[in-house]
Protein backbone atom coordinates (compact mmCIF):
# COMPACT_ATOMS: atom_id res chain seq x y z
CA UNK A 1 0.00 0.00 0.00
CA UNK A 2 1.58 3.29 -1.10
CA UNK A 3 1.33 5.96 1.58
CA UNK A 4 0.40 9.56 0.88
CA UNK A 5 2.95 12.32 1.25
CA UNK A 6 2.82 13.84 4.70
CA UNK A 7 0.98 17.13 5.03
CA UNK A 8 0.47 17.32 8.80
CA UNK A 9 -1.00 20.01 10.99
CA UNK A 10 1.62 21.15 13.50
CA UNK A 11 -0.38 23.74 15.46
CA UNK A 12 -2.57 23.25 18.50
CA UNK A 13 -6.32 23.95 18.59
CA UNK A 14 -7.31 26.38 21.33
CA UNK A 15 -10.61 28.25 21.51
CA UNK A 16 -11.44 27.57 17.88
CA UNK A 17 -8.06 28.69 16.48
CA UNK A 18 -5.05 26.76 15.20
CA UNK A 19 -2.14 28.35 17.04
CA UNK A 20 1.58 27.87 17.74
CA UNK A 21 2.77 27.46 21.31
CA UNK A 22 2.49 30.65 23.35
CA UNK A 23 6.30 30.82 23.59
CA UNK A 24 6.89 29.67 20.00
CA UNK A 25 8.51 26.38 21.10
CA UNK A 26 8.38 23.19 19.03
CA UNK A 27 9.45 19.58 19.54
CA UNK A 28 10.53 16.92 17.05
CA UNK A 29 8.33 14.09 15.82
CA UNK A 30 10.46 10.98 15.17
CA UNK A 31 9.69 8.00 12.96
CA UNK A 32 10.35 4.95 15.20
CA UNK A 33 10.99 2.68 12.21
CA UNK A 34 13.80 4.80 10.77
CA UNK A 35 14.83 7.14 13.64
CA UNK A 36 14.41 10.04 11.20
CA UNK A 37 12.80 13.31 12.24
CA UNK A 38 9.48 13.65 10.45
CA UNK A 39 9.00 17.28 11.42
CA UNK A 40 8.00 19.37 14.40
CA UNK A 41 4.96 20.08 16.53
CA UNK A 42 3.93 23.13 18.54
CA UNK A 43 5.07 22.45 22.10
CA UNK A 44 2.22 23.60 24.29
CA UNK A 45 2.90 25.36 27.58
CA UNK A 46 1.05 25.54 30.89
CA UNK A 47 -0.28 28.87 29.68
CA UNK A 48 -1.68 27.15 26.57
CA UNK A 49 -3.42 24.49 28.64
CA UNK A 50 -4.76 27.16 30.99
CA UNK A 51 -6.23 29.02 28.02
CA UNK A 52 -7.70 25.80 26.61
CA UNK A 53 -9.35 24.93 29.93
CA UNK A 54 -10.77 28.44 30.17
CA UNK A 55 -12.16 28.20 26.64
CA UNK A 56 -13.76 24.82 27.36
CA UNK A 57 -15.24 26.11 30.60
CA UNK A 58 -16.75 29.15 28.88
CA UNK A 59 -18.10 27.09 25.98
CA UNK A 60 -19.84 24.76 28.40
CA UNK A 61 -21.20 27.41 30.76
CA UNK A 62 -22.10 30.19 28.35
CA UNK A 63 -23.27 28.54 25.13
CA UNK A 64 -26.11 26.16 24.27
CA UNK A 65 -23.74 23.34 23.28
CA UNK A 66 -24.63 21.10 26.23
CA UNK A 67 -28.36 21.24 25.38
CA UNK A 68 -28.28 21.25 21.58
CA UNK A 69 -28.39 17.57 20.62
CA UNK A 70 -28.93 18.33 16.92
CA UNK A 71 -25.88 20.61 16.74
CA UNK A 72 -23.71 18.00 18.41
CA UNK A 73 -24.85 15.33 15.96
CA UNK A 74 -24.30 17.64 12.98
CA UNK A 75 -20.78 18.54 14.06
CA UNK A 76 -19.82 14.90 14.55
CA UNK A 77 -21.17 14.01 11.11
CA UNK A 78 -19.17 16.89 9.62
CA UNK A 79 -16.08 15.58 11.38
CA UNK A 80 -16.74 12.10 10.04
CA UNK A 81 -17.06 13.41 6.48
CA UNK A 82 -13.74 15.25 6.81
CA UNK A 83 -12.03 12.18 8.30
CA UNK A 84 -13.22 10.01 5.41
CA UNK A 85 -12.01 12.59 2.89
CA UNK A 86 -8.52 12.72 4.47
CA UNK A 87 -8.24 9.05 5.42
CA UNK A 88 -5.05 8.49 3.39
CA UNK A 89 -3.32 11.43 5.06
CA UNK A 90 -4.30 10.05 8.45
CA UNK A 91 -3.03 6.62 7.44
CA UNK A 92 0.31 8.11 6.41
CA UNK A 93 0.59 9.95 9.73
CA UNK A 94 -0.25 6.93 11.89
CA UNK A 95 2.12 4.56 10.07
CA UNK A 96 5.01 6.99 10.20
CA UNK A 97 4.72 8.47 13.67
CA UNK A 98 3.39 5.42 15.54
CA UNK A 99 5.21 2.73 13.54
CA UNK A 100 1.83 1.07 12.98
CA UNK A 101 1.97 -1.74 10.39
CA UNK A 102 0.09 -0.50 7.34
CA UNK A 103 -1.78 -3.81 7.08
CA UNK A 104 -3.39 -3.12 10.46
CA UNK A 105 -4.56 0.41 9.65
CA UNK A 106 -7.96 -0.59 8.16
CA UNK A 107 -8.87 -2.17 11.48
CA UNK A 108 -7.73 -0.65 14.78
CA UNK A 109 -5.67 2.32 13.65
CA UNK A 110 -7.53 4.32 10.98
CA UNK A 111 -10.55 3.11 8.99
CA UNK A 112 -12.41 1.37 11.81
CA UNK A 113 -12.05 4.31 14.26
CA UNK A 114 -13.29 6.73 11.59
CA UNK A 115 -16.27 4.47 10.90
CA UNK A 116 -17.19 4.65 14.60
CA UNK A 117 -17.87 8.39 14.60
CA UNK A 118 -21.44 8.21 13.19
CA UNK A 119 -22.41 5.96 16.10
CA UNK A 120 -21.75 8.88 18.46
CA UNK A 121 -23.62 11.31 16.23
CA UNK A 122 -26.66 9.01 16.23
CA UNK A 123 -26.45 8.45 19.98
CA UNK A 124 -26.36 12.21 20.61
CA UNK A 125 -29.82 12.43 19.07
CA UNK A 126 -31.49 9.18 20.13
CA UNK A 127 -30.38 8.89 23.76
CA UNK A 128 -33.20 9.21 26.31
CA UNK A 129 -31.89 12.17 28.35
CA UNK A 130 -35.04 12.56 30.46
CA UNK A 131 -37.68 10.05 31.50
CA UNK A 132 -40.50 9.66 33.96
CA UNK A 133 -39.99 7.50 37.03
CA UNK A 134 -42.87 5.82 38.84
CA UNK A 135 -44.94 8.04 41.07
CA UNK A 136 -44.52 7.77 44.82
CA UNK A 137 -46.65 8.84 47.76
CA UNK A 138 -45.21 11.31 50.27
CA UNK A 139 -47.38 11.92 53.34
CA UNK A 140 -50.55 11.44 51.33
CA UNK A 141 -49.48 13.52 48.33
CA UNK A 142 -48.58 11.78 45.03
CA UNK A 143 -45.19 12.83 43.67
CA UNK A 144 -44.10 12.94 40.07
CA UNK A 145 -40.39 12.24 39.51
CA UNK A 146 -38.17 12.89 36.49
CA UNK A 147 -34.79 11.24 35.91
CA UNK A 148 -32.54 13.48 33.83
CA UNK A 149 -29.07 12.84 32.39
CA UNK A 150 -26.84 15.86 31.71
CA UNK A 151 -23.25 16.23 30.47
CA UNK A 152 -20.64 16.13 33.20
CA UNK A 153 -19.04 19.38 31.96
CA UNK A 154 -15.44 19.98 30.90
CA UNK A 155 -13.55 16.78 30.15
CA UNK A 156 -9.78 16.53 30.30
CA UNK A 157 -8.69 13.68 28.01
CA UNK A 158 -5.17 12.21 28.01
CA UNK A 159 -4.24 9.63 25.38
CA UNK A 160 -1.27 7.32 24.72
CA UNK A 161 0.77 6.64 21.61
CA UNK A 162 0.03 3.02 20.73
CA UNK A 163 -3.22 3.50 18.75
CA UNK A 164 -3.36 7.30 18.76
CA UNK A 165 -6.05 8.12 16.21
CA UNK A 166 -8.45 5.53 17.58
CA UNK A 167 -7.96 6.61 21.19
CA UNK A 168 -8.24 10.31 20.37
CA UNK A 169 -11.54 9.65 18.60
CA UNK A 170 -12.69 7.30 21.37
CA UNK A 171 -12.34 10.20 23.83
CA UNK A 172 -13.62 13.02 21.60
CA UNK A 173 -16.58 11.22 19.99
CA UNK A 174 -18.66 10.27 23.05
CA UNK A 175 -17.69 13.42 24.97
CA UNK A 176 -18.93 15.73 22.23
CA UNK A 177 -22.00 13.58 21.69
CA UNK A 178 -22.84 13.81 25.39
CA UNK A 179 -22.56 17.60 25.38
CA UNK A 180 -19.23 17.92 27.18
CA UNK A 181 -16.51 20.32 26.13
CA UNK A 182 -13.03 18.82 25.79
CA UNK A 183 -9.36 19.54 26.30
CA UNK A 184 -7.37 16.71 24.68
CA UNK A 185 -3.71 16.15 25.53
CA UNK A 186 -2.27 13.61 23.04
CA UNK A 187 0.91 11.64 23.66
CA UNK A 188 4.04 13.57 22.61
CA UNK A 189 5.31 10.49 20.71
CA UNK A 190 2.38 10.74 18.26
CA UNK A 191 1.37 14.41 18.18
CA UNK A 192 0.11 14.70 14.60
CA UNK A 193 -2.65 12.14 15.14
CA UNK A 194 -4.12 14.70 17.52
CA UNK A 195 -3.28 17.97 15.83
CA UNK A 196 -4.72 16.82 12.50
CA UNK A 197 -8.05 16.27 14.24
CA UNK A 198 -7.77 19.86 15.41
CA UNK A 199 -7.33 21.01 11.83
CA UNK A 200 -10.43 19.13 10.67
CA UNK A 201 -12.49 20.34 13.61
CA UNK A 202 -11.50 23.97 13.00
CA UNK A 203 -11.87 23.96 9.21
CA UNK A 204 -14.65 21.47 8.49
CA UNK A 205 -17.18 21.59 11.33
CA UNK A 206 -19.56 23.99 13.05
CA UNK A 207 -18.06 23.30 16.48
CA UNK A 208 -18.36 26.50 18.54
CA UNK A 209 -15.03 27.96 19.73
CA UNK A 210 -13.79 26.28 22.89
CA UNK A 211 -15.88 23.12 22.60
CA UNK A 212 -12.87 21.10 21.43
CA UNK A 213 -9.28 22.03 22.31
CA UNK A 214 -6.23 19.92 21.43
CA UNK A 215 -2.91 20.80 23.07
CA UNK A 216 0.23 18.83 22.30
CA UNK A 217 3.18 19.22 24.64
CA UNK A 218 6.45 17.39 25.17
CA UNK A 219 6.19 17.91 28.95
CA UNK A 220 3.91 15.29 30.54
CA UNK A 221 3.38 17.57 33.56
CA UNK A 222 1.57 20.03 31.30
CA UNK A 223 -1.12 17.40 30.87
CA UNK A 224 -1.31 16.91 34.63
CA UNK A 225 -3.06 20.27 34.83
CA UNK A 226 -6.17 18.51 33.47
CA UNK A 227 -6.25 16.39 36.63
CA UNK A 228 -5.69 19.23 39.07
CA UNK A 229 -7.53 22.25 37.65
CA UNK A 230 -10.90 22.79 39.41
CA UNK A 231 -12.46 24.06 36.17
CA UNK A 232 -12.20 20.53 34.73
CA UNK A 233 -15.11 18.34 35.83
CA UNK A 234 -13.85 14.93 34.69
CA UNK A 235 -10.67 13.35 33.44
CA UNK A 236 -10.38 10.39 31.05
CA UNK A 237 -6.97 8.73 30.83
CA UNK A 238 -5.70 5.77 28.83
CA UNK A 239 -2.17 4.57 29.56
CA UNK A 240 -0.06 2.76 32.13
CA UNK A 241 -1.37 1.79 35.52
CA UNK A 242 1.42 3.71 37.25
CA UNK A 243 0.43 6.95 35.52
CA UNK A 244 -3.25 6.17 36.07
CA UNK A 245 -2.66 6.05 39.82
CA UNK A 246 -1.07 9.51 39.57
CA UNK A 247 -4.02 10.86 37.56
CA UNK A 248 -6.51 9.51 40.11
CA UNK A 249 -4.53 10.95 43.03
CA UNK A 250 -4.38 14.39 41.42
CA UNK A 251 -8.07 14.31 40.48
CA UNK A 252 -9.02 13.40 44.04
CA UNK A 253 -8.12 16.89 45.25
CA UNK A 254 -11.14 18.32 43.40
CA UNK A 255 -13.21 15.09 43.48
CA UNK A 256 -13.44 14.83 39.69
CA UNK A 257 -15.16 12.06 37.83
CA UNK A 258 -12.34 9.77 36.70
CA UNK A 259 -12.24 7.22 33.88
CA UNK A 260 -9.08 5.10 33.65
CA UNK A 261 -8.25 2.52 30.97
CA UNK A 262 -4.95 1.10 32.15
CA UNK A 263 -2.64 -1.86 31.77
CA UNK A 264 -3.20 -5.53 31.21
CA UNK A 265 -1.47 -8.87 31.57
CA UNK A 266 -4.10 -10.94 29.84
CA UNK A 267 -3.99 -14.72 29.63
CA UNK A 268 -5.04 -17.17 26.95
CA UNK A 269 -6.19 -20.41 28.56
CA UNK A 270 -5.96 -23.32 26.14
CA UNK A 271 -7.92 -26.27 27.56
CA UNK A 272 -6.75 -29.83 27.08
CA UNK A 273 -9.52 -30.64 24.57
CA UNK A 274 -8.66 -27.72 22.25
CA UNK A 275 -7.53 -28.30 18.66
CA UNK A 276 -3.91 -27.22 19.17
CA UNK A 277 -3.02 -27.10 15.47
CA UNK A 278 -5.84 -24.59 14.87
CA UNK A 279 -5.55 -22.54 18.04
CA UNK A 280 -1.86 -22.18 18.83
CA UNK A 281 -0.33 -20.76 15.62
CA UNK A 282 -2.35 -17.60 16.25
CA UNK A 283 -0.54 -17.00 19.53
CA UNK A 284 2.21 -15.24 17.55
CA UNK A 285 -0.30 -12.38 17.25
CA UNK A 286 0.97 -11.36 20.68
CA UNK A 287 3.67 -9.59 18.67
CA UNK A 288 1.28 -7.56 16.52
CA UNK A 289 2.22 -3.84 16.48
CA UNK A 290 5.23 -4.69 18.61
CA UNK A 291 3.00 -6.05 21.38
CA UNK A 292 1.97 -2.47 22.11
CA UNK A 293 -1.63 -3.09 23.06
CA UNK A 294 -3.15 -3.19 26.52
CA UNK A 295 -5.65 -5.95 25.64
CA UNK A 296 -3.15 -8.25 23.89
CA UNK A 297 -2.92 -11.68 25.52
CA UNK A 298 0.70 -11.92 26.67
CA UNK A 299 0.42 -15.02 28.86
CA UNK A 300 -0.31 -18.47 27.43
CA UNK A 301 -1.48 -21.22 29.79
CA UNK A 302 -1.08 -24.75 28.43
CA UNK A 303 -2.19 -28.02 30.06
CA UNK A 304 0.80 -29.90 31.43
CA UNK A 305 -0.49 -33.07 29.78
CA UNK A 306 0.08 -31.49 26.34
CA UNK A 307 2.67 -28.86 27.24
CA UNK A 308 5.58 -29.89 25.00
CA UNK A 309 3.23 -30.51 22.07
CA UNK A 310 1.81 -27.02 22.46
CA UNK A 311 5.20 -25.35 22.88
CA UNK A 312 6.45 -26.85 19.60
CA UNK A 313 3.50 -25.41 17.68
CA UNK A 314 3.87 -21.94 19.21
CA UNK A 315 7.61 -21.98 18.65
CA UNK A 316 7.15 -22.73 14.95
CA UNK A 317 4.68 -19.84 14.67
CA UNK A 318 7.10 -17.42 16.30
CA UNK A 319 9.97 -18.60 14.10
CA UNK A 320 7.85 -17.92 11.01
CA UNK A 321 6.62 -14.51 12.17
CA UNK A 322 7.35 -11.64 9.77
CA UNK A 323 8.36 -8.30 11.26
CA UNK A 324 10.17 -5.13 10.31
CA UNK A 325 9.34 -2.14 8.10
CA UNK A 326 5.73 -1.16 8.93
CA UNK A 327 5.14 0.09 5.38
CA UNK A 328 5.64 -3.48 4.11
CA UNK A 329 2.18 -5.15 4.05
CA UNK A 330 3.78 -8.50 4.93
CA UNK A 331 4.75 -7.26 8.41
CA UNK A 332 2.30 -7.16 11.30
CA UNK A 333 5.01 -6.09 13.74
CA UNK A 334 6.88 -2.84 13.43
CA UNK A 335 9.14 -1.04 15.92
CA UNK A 336 8.60 -0.06 19.52
CA UNK A 337 7.58 3.57 19.74
CA UNK A 338 10.90 4.95 21.01
CA UNK A 339 14.44 4.10 22.06
CA UNK A 340 13.34 4.40 25.69
CA UNK A 341 10.53 1.90 25.18
CA UNK A 342 12.81 -0.47 23.26
CA UNK A 343 15.32 -0.45 26.11
CA UNK A 344 12.55 -1.00 28.64
CA UNK A 345 11.39 -4.14 26.78
CA UNK A 346 14.94 -5.45 26.43
CA UNK A 347 15.37 -4.98 30.18
CA UNK A 348 12.40 -7.27 30.78
CA UNK A 349 13.93 -9.91 28.51
CA UNK A 350 17.06 -9.90 30.66
CA UNK A 351 14.93 -10.09 33.78
CA UNK A 352 13.09 -13.11 32.39
CA UNK A 353 16.32 -14.98 31.77
CA UNK A 354 17.62 -14.07 35.21
CA UNK A 355 14.47 -15.45 36.85
CA UNK A 356 14.82 -18.80 35.08
CA UNK A 357 12.47 -18.62 32.10
CA UNK A 358 13.61 -20.45 28.97
CA UNK A 359 13.97 -18.43 25.75
CA UNK A 360 12.74 -20.46 22.77
CA UNK A 361 12.71 -17.66 20.16
CA UNK A 362 14.19 -14.17 20.04
CA UNK A 363 15.31 -12.50 23.21
CA UNK A 364 16.97 -9.28 22.03
CA UNK A 365 17.26 -6.57 19.41
CA UNK A 366 17.49 -7.89 15.82
CA UNK A 367 20.88 -7.58 14.15
CA UNK A 368 19.35 -7.26 10.68
CA UNK A 369 17.42 -4.09 11.62
CA UNK A 370 20.13 -1.69 12.85
CA UNK A 371 17.92 1.36 12.32
CA UNK A 372 14.67 1.69 14.20
CA UNK A 373 13.54 0.69 17.67
CA UNK A 374 12.91 -3.01 17.01
CA UNK A 375 12.72 -5.98 19.39
CA UNK A 376 12.74 -9.60 18.25
CA UNK A 377 9.53 -11.60 18.65
CA UNK A 378 10.32 -13.40 21.90
CA UNK A 379 8.87 -16.63 23.28
CA UNK A 380 9.51 -17.58 26.89
CA UNK A 381 8.72 -21.09 28.18
CA UNK A 382 8.52 -22.44 31.73
CA UNK A 383 7.53 -19.05 33.10
CA UNK A 384 6.84 -18.98 36.83
CA UNK A 385 3.43 -17.29 37.25
CA UNK A 386 4.87 -15.23 40.13
CA UNK A 387 7.88 -13.99 38.13
CA UNK A 388 8.32 -10.42 36.97
CA UNK A 389 7.63 -11.12 33.29
CA UNK A 390 4.41 -12.97 34.22
CA UNK A 391 3.18 -10.21 36.51
CA UNK A 392 4.22 -6.90 34.93
CA UNK A 393 3.05 -5.38 31.66
CA UNK A 394 5.98 -5.48 29.21
CA UNK A 395 4.27 -3.79 26.25
CA UNK A 396 6.52 -5.58 23.80
CA UNK A 397 6.46 -8.59 21.43
CA UNK A 398 6.81 -11.11 24.24
CA UNK A 399 4.73 -14.20 25.07
CA UNK A 400 5.14 -16.02 28.40
CA UNK A 401 4.09 -19.69 28.46
CA UNK A 402 3.19 -21.45 31.72
CA UNK A 403 1.91 -25.00 32.31
CA UNK A 404 -1.14 -25.74 34.47
CA UNK A 405 -2.55 -28.90 36.03
CA UNK A 406 -6.34 -28.68 35.54
CA UNK A 407 -9.10 -26.16 34.85
CA UNK A 408 -9.12 -24.88 38.43
CA UNK A 409 -5.37 -24.32 38.31
CA UNK A 410 -5.67 -22.48 34.97
CA UNK A 411 -8.30 -20.13 36.40
CA UNK A 412 -6.19 -19.52 39.49
CA UNK A 413 -3.12 -18.60 37.42
CA UNK A 414 -5.14 -16.42 35.04
CA UNK A 415 -6.58 -14.48 38.01
CA UNK A 416 -3.24 -14.18 39.80
CA UNK A 417 -2.60 -10.62 38.61
CA UNK A 418 -3.19 -7.01 39.62
CA UNK A 419 -4.75 -6.63 36.17
CA UNK A 420 -8.01 -7.82 34.65
CA UNK A 421 -8.41 -6.28 31.22
CA UNK A 422 -8.86 -9.05 28.67
CA UNK A 423 -8.19 -12.70 27.93
CA UNK A 424 -9.12 -15.73 25.89
CA UNK A 425 -10.22 -19.33 26.32
CA UNK A 426 -9.92 -22.13 23.77
CA UNK A 427 -11.78 -25.45 23.89
CA UNK A 428 -13.49 -27.83 21.48
CA UNK A 429 -16.58 -27.44 23.68
CA UNK A 430 -18.13 -23.94 23.69
CA UNK A 431 -19.96 -24.56 26.97
CA UNK A 432 -16.77 -25.65 28.69
CA UNK A 433 -15.03 -22.53 27.37
CA UNK A 434 -17.89 -20.40 28.75
CA UNK A 435 -17.72 -22.15 32.09
CA UNK A 436 -14.04 -21.34 32.48
CA UNK A 437 -14.47 -17.79 31.11
CA UNK A 438 -17.15 -16.98 33.68
CA UNK A 439 -14.59 -17.61 36.42
CA UNK A 440 -11.88 -15.36 34.99
CA UNK A 441 -12.05 -11.85 36.44
CA UNK A 442 -11.44 -9.68 33.43
CA UNK A 443 -13.33 -7.13 31.33
CA UNK A 444 -13.37 -8.88 27.93
CA UNK A 445 -12.80 -12.44 26.78
CA UNK A 446 -12.47 -14.03 23.34
CA UNK A 447 -13.74 -17.60 23.30
CA UNK A 448 -12.67 -19.95 20.53
CA UNK A 449 -11.61 -17.09 18.30
CA UNK A 450 -14.59 -14.85 19.06
CA UNK A 451 -14.08 -11.11 18.55
CA UNK A 452 -15.66 -8.66 21.01
CA UNK A 453 -14.29 -5.30 19.82
CA UNK A 454 -16.66 -2.72 18.29
CA UNK A 455 -17.90 0.77 19.01
CA UNK A 456 -20.87 -0.50 21.03
CA UNK A 457 -18.76 -2.81 23.24
CA UNK A 458 -18.12 -1.39 26.73
CA UNK A 459 -14.36 -1.76 27.18
CA UNK A 460 -12.46 -1.65 30.43
CA UNK A 461 -11.09 -3.84 33.15
CA UNK A 462 -11.20 -5.21 36.67
CA UNK A 463 -8.78 -4.37 39.49
CA UNK A 464 -5.85 -2.16 38.44
CA UNK A 465 -6.78 -2.31 34.77
CA UNK A 466 -8.93 0.72 35.32
CA UNK A 467 -12.16 2.43 36.34
CA UNK A 468 -15.30 2.67 34.23
CA UNK A 469 -15.93 1.64 30.64
CA UNK A 470 -15.26 3.19 27.24
CA UNK A 471 -17.44 2.79 24.11
CA UNK A 472 -21.08 1.81 23.84
CA UNK A 473 -23.93 3.37 25.79
CA UNK A 474 -22.20 2.45 29.03
CA UNK A 475 -19.16 4.49 28.01
CA UNK A 476 -21.42 7.34 26.90
CA UNK A 477 -23.11 7.37 30.30
CA UNK A 478 -19.71 7.76 32.00
CA UNK A 479 -19.85 11.33 30.64
CA UNK A 480 -23.32 12.13 32.04
CA UNK A 481 -24.42 13.27 35.47
CA UNK A 482 -27.72 12.07 36.97
CA UNK A 483 -30.37 14.49 38.22
CA UNK A 484 -33.70 13.62 39.82
CA UNK A 485 -36.49 16.23 39.92
CA UNK A 486 -39.70 15.82 41.89
CA UNK A 487 -42.92 17.82 42.07
CA UNK A 488 -46.41 17.14 43.44
CA UNK A 489 -48.98 15.76 41.08
CA UNK A 490 -51.64 18.40 40.52
CA UNK A 491 -55.20 17.22 40.37
């Protein structure tokens, strides 16, 4: 697939205007596959974020945006039309700045996220914002009650770099549909996936000034203002659990609504009656996009009775896995996002060896790819479920294989984690797979190859994988407050 020439937007969107940083500063945007500088991005300051928050506050408090369902739907449909028109430019941006394999862009990275936007436009219009409750009697007087849902207010949204366009739209779409105003702080590793949305919003929609603000900044502490500023009513963060704890702690000072979509250490449980030759070759998909996905299953639990048989199949799949240049359609694995992230993953590989896991495939940086932040697809066997690589999120192309004794033991190991984001179960018997899945404490599960992801699927996790849900009506309702009004029934 030939990529379009880059024509990015490098300014931030504040109060309806595309602007440089208040101090004129810029930072470099680096291609992780080549280590080349793609260009620069306006480096937002605390003053820029302060102005963006003020604009969002004013737009919510002083305009009719929060009450005008039709306007919200129209603006989202205008945004969708502009996204579809510029889809190839967005594809070129995502592949180059995120290192996303071009073959994956029709699904999670570009086309699918764009196709989700009309769902939010429709929901803005069809949602039942106010309904009658049953009447009650109070001291002999019948009471009429109304249940009303209203937008929470100003939303501070902070997004990561792994699937930047999707996550930016997953924050913006439901928030605007619900009637919130937004200040979005994209990840500095993938700034153009955010700033290009600002360009389309400013030039192609009827969004009132201040409703949507997008401020890129190289300093992560600039984004922290969204968690601490009392003018922000809610904060939505997707990223690491460690940073999520910080966001929640900062937001607690002003008792904000908090949505957190955090890390995962999801397990695939392959039961002893599964068809190994059909199920196990797909486990190499752990390495897709460099393993940089929170819901990727990075632990594989195999029955001890068929352990060596299963290992041989998975090893062959890893040895045949194609990775490298993300612009090559044959590759489903590109680079890690940065040198820092590459070194972090390599550190985990050393830790795995030191703790006694057996490396069957990979285990380092590839010699044949001297440029770019690549890590070899790595398969660990005999992984102790209590070891570091079995407990901590690596966010790299690494699969940890552990044997189990029986179904109860498999469930115990799968649940032995601070996380609970996703997972999978494989069996030749659907009911047996369901029985095991119902005991695994995690937010989403794929059974026998089933696929749960879509715009109407509430996504999120148990335990330290986060708070709340994103997508679907449940995710939409995270952005609404609840009001009850009562008045006496007049005869």
